């Protein structure tokens, strides 16, 4: 198996770090310039904690790996 140095697709990162906020380094992009493969910089349970960990990093992709509203949550608009 080839060594990946932590490189994975965005879908793999979302699955691996489900329920966490992630700061990702973009390794490659697709034809529409969306992140295709990434490497984890840091993860945290909430957004504020993540920003404290990675505020000195210039180029990062921030994403949440989980549902916006957990099952059973009702949203009114």
PDB file of N, CA and C in Angstrom:
ATOM      1  N   UNK A   1       0.850  -1.188   0.000  1.00  0.00           N
ATOM      2  CA  UNK A   1       0.000   0.000   0.000  1.00  0.00           C
ATOM      3  C   UNK A   1       0.886   1.239   0.000  1.00  0.00           C
ATOM      4  N   UNK A   2       0.627   2.205  -0.893  1.00  0.00           N
ATOM      5  CA  UNK A   2       1.467   3.402  -0.966  1.00  0.00           C
ATOM      6  C   UNK A   2       1.278   4.298   0.251  1.00  0.00           C
ATOM      7  N   UNK A   3       2.345   4.968   0.653  1.00  0.00           N
ATOM      8  CA  UNK A   3       2.282   5.908   1.760  1.00  0.00           C
ATOM      9  C   UNK A   3       1.605   7.190   1.285  1.00  0.00           C
ATOM     10  N   UNK A   4       0.605   7.661   2.049  1.00  0.00           N
ATOM     11  CA  UNK A   4      -0.178   8.816   1.609  1.00  0.00           C
ATOM     12  C   UNK A   4       0.183  10.105   2.325  1.00  0.00           C
ATOM     13  N   UNK A   5       0.975  10.038   3.388  1.00  0.00           N
ATOM     14  CA  UNK A   5       1.331  11.230   4.167  1.00  0.00           C
ATOM     15  C   UNK A   5       0.102  11.989   4.653  1.00  0.00           C
ATOM     16  N   UNK A   6      -0.959  11.256   4.988  1.00  0.00           N
ATOM     17  CA  UNK A   6      -2.161  11.881   5.512  1.00  0.00           C
ATOM     18  C   UNK A   6      -3.074  12.478   4.463  1.00  0.00           C
ATOM     19  N   UNK A   7      -2.794  12.268   3.188  1.00  0.00           N
ATOM     20  CA  UNK A   7      -3.634  12.824   2.126  1.00  0.00           C
ATOM     21  C   UNK A   7      -4.860  11.947   1.945  1.00  0.00           C
ATOM     22  N   UNK A   8      -6.028  12.595   1.883  1.00  0.00           N
ATOM     23  CA  UNK A   8      -7.301  11.893   1.703  1.00  0.00           C
ATOM     24  C   UNK A   8      -8.252  12.793   0.936  1.00  0.00           C
ATOM     25  N   UNK A   9      -9.350  12.219   0.470  1.00  0.00           N
ATOM     26  CA  UNK A   9     -10.373  13.038  -0.189  1.00  0.00           C
ATOM     27  C   UNK A   9     -11.155  13.784   0.880  1.00  0.00           C
ATOM     28  N   UNK A  10     -11.890  14.792   0.464  1.00  0.00           N
ATOM     29  CA  UNK A  10     -12.721  15.547   1.405  1.00  0.00           C
ATOM     30  C   UNK A  10     -13.772  14.627   2.013  1.00  0.00           C
ATOM     31  N   UNK A  11     -14.366  13.733   1.220  1.00  0.00           N
ATOM     32  CA  UNK A  11     -15.371  12.797   1.731  1.00  0.00           C
ATOM     33  C   UNK A  11     -14.771  11.874   2.788  1.00  0.00           C
ATOM     34  N   UNK A  12     -13.562  11.401   2.576  1.00  0.00           N
ATOM     35  CA  UNK A  12     -12.904  10.546   3.572  1.00  0.00           C
ATOM     36  C   UNK A  12     -12.639  11.327   4.861  1.00  0.00           C
ATOM     37  N   UNK A  13     -12.235  12.574   4.744  1.00  0.00           N
ATOM     38  CA  UNK A  13     -11.985  13.402   5.926  1.00  0.00           C
ATOM     39  C   UNK A  13     -13.274  13.621   6.708  1.00  0.00           C
ATOM     40  N   UNK A  14     -14.368  13.910   6.007  1.00  0.00           N
ATOM     41  CA  UNK A  14     -15.654  14.115   6.687  1.00  0.00           C
ATOM     42  C   UNK A  14     -16.089  12.857   7.430  1.00  0.00           C
ATOM     43  N   UNK A  15     -15.858  11.693   6.832  1.00  0.00           N
ATOM     44  CA  UNK A  15     -16.240  10.432   7.467  1.00  0.00           C
ATOM     45  C   UNK A  15     -15.327  10.131   8.662  1.00  0.00           C
ATOM     46  N   UNK A  16     -14.036  10.318   8.487  1.00  0.00           N
ATOM     47  CA  UNK A  16     -13.064  10.005   9.537  1.00  0.00           C
ATOM     48  C   UNK A  16     -13.215  10.912  10.754  1.00  0.00           C
ATOM     49  N   UNK A  17     -13.518  12.192  10.538  1.00  0.00           N
ATOM     50  CA  UNK A  17     -13.597  13.156  11.627  1.00  0.00           C
ATOM     51  C   UNK A  17     -15.031  13.633  11.865  1.00  0.00           C
ATOM     52  N   UNK A  18     -15.993  12.749  11.692  1.00  0.00           N
ATOM     53  CA  UNK A  18     -17.424  13.068  11.838  1.00  0.00           C
ATOM     54  C   UNK A  18     -17.696  13.755  13.175  1.00  0.00           C
ATOM     55  N   UNK A  19     -18.483  14.836  13.106  1.00  0.00           N
ATOM     56  CA  UNK A  19     -18.856  15.577  14.302  1.00  0.00           C
ATOM     57  C   UNK A  19     -17.842  16.620  14.744  1.00  0.00           C
ATOM     58  N   UNK A  20     -16.763  16.786  14.006  1.00  0.00           N
ATOM     59  CA  UNK A  20     -15.712  17.740  14.361  1.00  0.00           C
ATOM     60  C   UNK A  20     -15.577  18.831  13.305  1.00  0.00           C
ATOM     61  N   UNK A  21     -15.049  19.968  13.725  1.00  0.00           N
ATOM     62  CA  UNK A  21     -14.620  21.005  12.806  1.00  0.00           C
ATOM     63  C   UNK A  21     -13.210  20.654  12.377  1.00  0.00           C
ATOM     64  N   UNK A  22     -12.892  20.861  11.107  1.00  0.00           N
ATOM     65  CA  UNK A  22     -11.582  20.497  10.576  1.00  0.00           C
ATOM     66  C   UNK A  22     -10.947  21.682   9.865  1.00  0.00           C
ATOM     67  N   UNK A  23      -9.643  21.825  10.050  1.00  0.00           N
ATOM     68  CA  UNK A  23      -8.845  22.754   9.254  1.00  0.00           C
ATOM     69  C   UNK A  23      -8.008  21.865   8.348  1.00  0.00           C
ATOM     70  N   UNK A  24      -8.146  22.073   7.045  1.00  0.00           N
ATOM     71  CA  UNK A  24      -7.508  21.198   6.076  1.00  0.00           C
ATOM     72  C   UNK A  24      -6.592  21.973   5.140  1.00  0.00           C
ATOM     73  N   UNK A  25      -5.472  21.369   4.811  1.00  0.00           N
ATOM     74  CA  UNK A  25      -4.584  21.900   3.787  1.00  0.00           C
ATOM     75  C   UNK A  25      -5.030  21.283   2.467  1.00  0.00           C
ATOM     76  N   UNK A  26      -5.285  22.099   1.467  1.00  0.00           N
ATOM     77  CA  UNK A  26      -5.722  21.590   0.163  1.00  0.00           C
ATOM     78  C   UNK A  26      -4.493  21.120  -0.612  1.00  0.00           C
ATOM     79  N   UNK A  27      -4.500  19.833  -0.976  1.00  0.00           N
ATOM     80  CA  UNK A  27      -3.396  19.239  -1.729  1.00  0.00           C
ATOM     81  C   UNK A  27      -3.666  19.341  -3.225  1.00  0.00           C
ATOM     82  N   UNK A  28      -4.918  19.063  -3.643  1.00  0.00           N
ATOM     83  CA  UNK A  28      -5.287  19.202  -5.053  1.00  0.00           C
ATOM     84  C   UNK A  28      -6.738  19.648  -5.156  1.00  0.00           C
ATOM     85  N   UNK A  29      -7.070  20.201  -6.320  1.00  0.00           N
ATOM     86  CA  UNK A  29      -8.425  20.708  -6.575  1.00  0.00           C
ATOM     87  C   UNK A  29      -9.004  20.030  -7.807  1.00  0.00           C
ATOM     88  N   UNK A  30     -10.346  19.996  -7.886  1.00  0.00           N
ATOM     89  CA  UNK A  30     -11.003  19.416  -9.062  1.00  0.00           C
ATOM     90  C   UNK A  30     -11.098  20.462 -10.172  1.00  0.00           C
ATOM     91  N   UNK A  31     -11.759  20.114 -11.268  1.00  0.00           N
ATOM     92  CA  UNK A  31     -11.824  21.030 -12.418  1.00  0.00           C
ATOM     93  C   UNK A  31     -12.560  22.329 -12.106  1.00  0.00           C
ATOM     94  N   UNK A  32     -13.409  22.336 -11.059  1.00  0.00           N
ATOM     95  CA  UNK A  32     -14.133  23.543 -10.653  1.00  0.00           C
ATOM     96  C   UNK A  32     -13.422  24.294  -9.526  1.00  0.00           C
ATOM     97  N   UNK A  33     -12.212  23.873  -9.215  1.00  0.00           N
ATOM     98  CA  UNK A  33     -11.370  24.484  -8.186  1.00  0.00           C
ATOM     99  C   UNK A  33     -11.847  24.224  -6.752  1.00  0.00           C
ATOM    100  N   UNK A  34     -12.704  23.213  -6.546  1.00  0.00           N
ATOM    101  CA  UNK A  34     -13.090  22.809  -5.201  1.00  0.00           C
ATOM    102  C   UNK A  34     -12.024  21.868  -4.659  1.00  0.00           C
ATOM    103  N   UNK A  35     -11.801  21.845  -3.342  1.00  0.00           N
ATOM    104  CA  UNK A  35     -10.803  20.925  -2.793  1.00  0.00           C
ATOM    105  C   UNK A  35     -11.140  19.472  -3.149  1.00  0.00           C
ATOM    106  N   UNK A  36     -10.148  18.748  -3.644  1.00  0.00           N
ATOM    107  CA  UNK A  36     -10.330  17.344  -4.019  1.00  0.00           C
ATOM    108  C   UNK A  36      -9.640  16.440  -3.008  1.00  0.00           C
ATOM    109  N   UNK A  37      -8.348  16.663  -2.805  1.00  0.00           N
ATOM    110  CA  UNK A  37      -7.623  15.925  -1.774  1.00  0.00           C
ATOM    111  C   UNK A  37      -7.065  16.919  -0.768  1.00  0.00           C
ATOM    112  N   UNK A  38      -7.046  16.490   0.486  1.00  0.00           N
ATOM    113  CA  UNK A  38      -6.668  17.374   1.586  1.00  0.00           C
ATOM    114  C   UNK A  38      -5.799  16.630   2.590  1.00  0.00           C
ATOM    115  N   UNK A  39      -5.211  17.411   3.489  1.00  0.00           N
ATOM    116  CA  UNK A  39      -4.432  16.865   4.602  1.00  0.00           C
ATOM    117  C   UNK A  39      -4.896  17.600   5.857  1.00  0.00           C
ATOM    118  N   UNK A  40      -5.156  16.874   6.927  1.00  0.00           N
ATOM    119  CA  UNK A  40      -5.635  17.474   8.168  1.00  0.00           C
ATOM    120  C   UNK A  40      -4.550  18.317   8.826  1.00  0.00           C
ATOM    121  N   UNK A  41      -4.906  19.554   9.189  1.00  0.00           N
ATOM    122  CA  UNK A  41      -4.010  20.428   9.956  1.00  0.00           C
ATOM    123  C   UNK A  41      -4.372  20.300  11.430  1.00  0.00           C
ATOM    124  N   UNK A  42      -5.686  20.431  11.728  1.00  0.00           N
ATOM    125  CA  UNK A  42      -6.169  20.345  13.110  1.00  0.00           C
ATOM    126  C   UNK A  42      -7.656  20.032  13.097  1.00  0.00           C
ATOM    127  N   UNK A  43      -8.146  19.524  14.225  1.00  0.00           N
ATOM    128  CA  UNK A  43      -9.584  19.289  14.387  1.00  0.00           C
ATOM    129  C   UNK A  43      -9.988  19.726  15.785  1.00  0.00           C
ATOM    130  N   UNK A  44     -11.274  20.045  15.950  1.00  0.00           N
ATOM    131  CA  UNK A  44     -11.781  20.487  17.243  1.00  0.00           C
ATOM    132  C   UNK A  44     -13.281  20.231  17.310  1.00  0.00           C
ATOM    133  N   UNK A  45     -13.824  20.212  18.511  1.00  0.00           N
ATOM    134  CA  UNK A  45     -15.257  19.975  18.698  1.00  0.00           C
ATOM    135  C   UNK A  45     -16.089  21.208  18.365  1.00  0.00           C
ATOM    136  N   UNK A  46     -15.516  22.414  18.479  1.00  0.00           N
ATOM    137  CA  UNK A  46     -16.282  23.611  18.109  1.00  0.00           C
ATOM    138  C   UNK A  46     -15.409  24.557  17.284  1.00  0.00           C
ATOM    139  N   UNK A  47     -16.077  25.455  16.592  1.00  0.00           N
ATOM    140  CA  UNK A  47     -15.408  26.338  15.638  1.00  0.00           C
ATOM    141  C   UNK A  47     -14.429  27.296  16.312  1.00  0.00           C
ATOM    142  N   UNK A  48     -14.791  27.811  17.448  1.00  0.00           N
ATOM    143  CA  UNK A  48     -13.925  28.760  18.163  1.00  0.00           C
ATOM    144  C   UNK A  48     -12.603  28.102  18.566  1.00  0.00           C
ATOM    145  N   UNK A  49     -12.684  26.880  19.084  1.00  0.00           N
ATOM    146  CA  UNK A  49     -11.476  26.146  19.471  1.00  0.00           C
ATOM    147  C   UNK A  49     -10.576  25.900  18.255  1.00  0.00           C
ATOM    148  N   UNK A  50     -11.181  25.556  17.125  1.00  0.00           N
ATOM    149  CA  UNK A  50     -10.406  25.309  15.913  1.00  0.00           C
ATOM    150  C   UNK A  50      -9.687  26.574  15.448  1.00  0.00           C
ATOM    151  N   UNK A  51     -10.386  27.697  15.454  1.00  0.00           N
ATOM    152  CA  UNK A  51      -9.764  28.949  15.010  1.00  0.00           C
ATOM    153  C   UNK A  51      -8.595  29.341  15.909  1.00  0.00           C
ATOM    154  N   UNK A  52      -8.686  29.037  17.195  1.00  0.00           N
ATOM    155  CA  UNK A  52      -7.558  29.309  18.089  1.00  0.00           C
ATOM    156  C   UNK A  52      -6.346  28.464  17.722  1.00  0.00           C
ATOM    157  N   UNK A  53      -6.590  27.218  17.312  1.00  0.00           N
ATOM    158  CA  UNK A  53      -5.498  26.313  16.962  1.00  0.00           C
ATOM    159  C   UNK A  53      -4.804  26.699  15.656  1.00  0.00           C
ATOM    160  N   UNK A  54      -5.555  27.235  14.690  1.00  0.00           N
ATOM    161  CA  UNK A  54      -4.996  27.440  13.346  1.00  0.00           C
ATOM    162  C   UNK A  54      -4.972  28.894  12.885  1.00  0.00           C
ATOM    163  N   UNK A  55      -5.123  29.823  13.780  1.00  0.00           N
ATOM    164  CA  UNK A  55      -5.199  31.229  13.364  1.00  0.00           C
ATOM    165  C   UNK A  55      -3.935  31.726  12.682  1.00  0.00           C
ATOM    166  N   UNK A  56      -2.790  31.090  12.913  1.00  0.00           N
ATOM    167  CA  UNK A  56      -1.544  31.532  12.288  1.00  0.00           C
ATOM    168  C   UNK A  56      -1.322  30.917  10.907  1.00  0.00           C
ATOM    169  N   UNK A  57      -2.134  29.938  10.519  1.00  0.00           N
ATOM    170  CA  UNK A  57      -2.008  29.326   9.199  1.00  0.00           C
ATOM    171  C   UNK A  57      -2.685  30.211   8.166  1.00  0.00           C
ATOM    172  N   UNK A  58      -1.988  30.516   7.084  1.00  0.00           N
ATOM    173  CA  UNK A  58      -2.520  31.431   6.071  1.00  0.00           C
ATOM    174  C   UNK A  58      -3.541  30.759   5.160  1.00  0.00           C
ATOM    175  N   UNK A  59      -3.201  29.639   4.570  1.00  0.00           N
ATOM    176  CA  UNK A  59      -4.081  28.980   3.606  1.00  0.00           C
ATOM    177  C   UNK A  59      -4.649  27.706   4.200  1.00  0.00           C
ATOM    178  N   UNK A  60      -5.932  27.741   4.496  1.00  0.00           N
ATOM    179  CA  UNK A  60      -6.584  26.572   5.069  1.00  0.00           C
ATOM    180  C   UNK A  60      -8.027  26.509   4.604  1.00  0.00           C
ATOM    181  N   UNK A  61      -8.570  25.316   4.609  1.00  0.00           N
ATOM    182  CA  UNK A  61      -9.961  25.078   4.251  1.00  0.00           C
ATOM    183  C   UNK A  61     -10.647  24.608   5.529  1.00  0.00           C
ATOM    184  N   UNK A  62     -11.633  25.358   6.002  1.00  0.00           N
ATOM    185  CA  UNK A  62     -12.356  25.022   7.227  1.00  0.00           C
ATOM    186  C   UNK A  62     -13.668  24.352   6.845  1.00  0.00           C
ATOM    187  N   UNK A  63     -13.964  23.216   7.471  1.00  0.00           N
ATOM    188  CA  UNK A  63     -15.204  22.487   7.174  1.00  0.00           C
ATOM    189  C   UNK A  63     -15.710  21.799   8.433  1.00  0.00           C
ATOM    190  N   UNK A  64     -17.015  21.584   8.495  1.00  0.00           N
ATOM    191  CA  UNK A  64     -17.626  20.818   9.579  1.00  0.00           C
ATOM    192  C   UNK A  64     -17.962  19.443   9.050  1.00  0.00           C
ATOM    193  N   UNK A  65     -17.570  18.415   9.759  1.00  0.00           N
ATOM    194  CA  UNK A  65     -17.802  17.034   9.326  1.00  0.00           C
ATOM    195  C   UNK A  65     -18.991  16.455  10.079  1.00  0.00           C
ATOM    196  N   UNK A  66     -20.152  16.890   9.701  1.00  0.00           N
ATOM    197  CA  UNK A  66     -21.348  16.365  10.341  1.00  0.00           C
ATOM    198  C   UNK A  66     -22.568  17.103   9.859  1.00  0.00           C
ATOM    199  N   UNK A  67     -23.719  16.658  10.307  1.00  0.00           N
ATOM    200  CA  UNK A  67     -24.942  17.345   9.891  1.00  0.00           C
ATOM    201  C   UNK A  67     -25.032  18.727  10.538  1.00  0.00           C
ATOM    202  N   UNK A  68     -25.579  19.675   9.799  1.00  0.00           N
ATOM    203  CA  UNK A  68     -25.751  21.027  10.330  1.00  0.00           C
ATOM    204  C   UNK A  68     -26.697  20.999  11.520  1.00  0.00           C
ATOM    205  N   UNK A  69     -27.774  20.249  11.388  1.00  0.00           N
ATOM    206  CA  UNK A  69     -28.731  20.070  12.487  1.00  0.00           C
ATOM    207  C   UNK A  69     -28.819  18.576  12.797  1.00  0.00           C
ATOM    208  N   UNK A  70     -28.473  18.166  14.023  1.00  0.00           N
ATOM    209  CA  UNK A  70     -28.542  16.746  14.367  1.00  0.00           C
ATOM    210  C   UNK A  70     -29.962  16.200  14.216  1.00  0.00           C
ATOM    211  N   UNK A  71     -30.065  14.886  14.033  1.00  0.00           N
ATOM    212  CA  UNK A  71     -31.390  14.261  13.889  1.00  0.00           C
ATOM    213  C   UNK A  71     -32.244  14.600  15.095  1.00  0.00           C
ATOM    214  N   UNK A  72     -33.494  14.883  14.833  1.00  0.00           N
ATOM    215  CA  UNK A  72     -34.422  15.232  15.900  1.00  0.00           C
ATOM    216  C   UNK A  72     -34.522  16.721  16.150  1.00  0.00           C
ATOM    217  N   UNK A  73     -33.653  17.520  15.548  1.00  0.00           N
ATOM    218  CA  UNK A  73     -33.671  18.966  15.712  1.00  0.00           C
ATOM    219  C   UNK A  73     -34.649  19.569  14.700  1.00  0.00           C
ATOM    220  N   UNK A  74     -35.442  20.509  15.159  1.00  0.00           N
ATOM    221  CA  UNK A  74     -36.398  21.181  14.300  1.00  0.00           C
ATOM    222  C   UNK A  74     -35.945  22.620  14.110  1.00  0.00           C
ATOM    223  N   UNK A  75     -35.959  23.090  12.868  1.00  0.00           N
ATOM    224  CA  UNK A  75     -35.583  24.471  12.575  1.00  0.00           C
ATOM    225  C   UNK A  75     -36.765  25.198  11.965  1.00  0.00           C
ATOM    226  N   UNK A  76     -37.015  26.394  12.455  1.00  0.00           N
ATOM    227  CA  UNK A  76     -38.085  27.232  11.932  1.00  0.00           C
ATOM    228  C   UNK A  76     -37.477  28.419  11.205  1.00  0.00           C
ATOM    229  N   UNK A  77     -37.996  28.708  10.042  1.00  0.00           N
ATOM    230  CA  UNK A  77     -37.472  29.830   9.261  1.00  0.00           C
ATOM    231  C   UNK A  77     -38.521  30.888   9.112  1.00  0.00           C
TER     232      UNK A  77
END
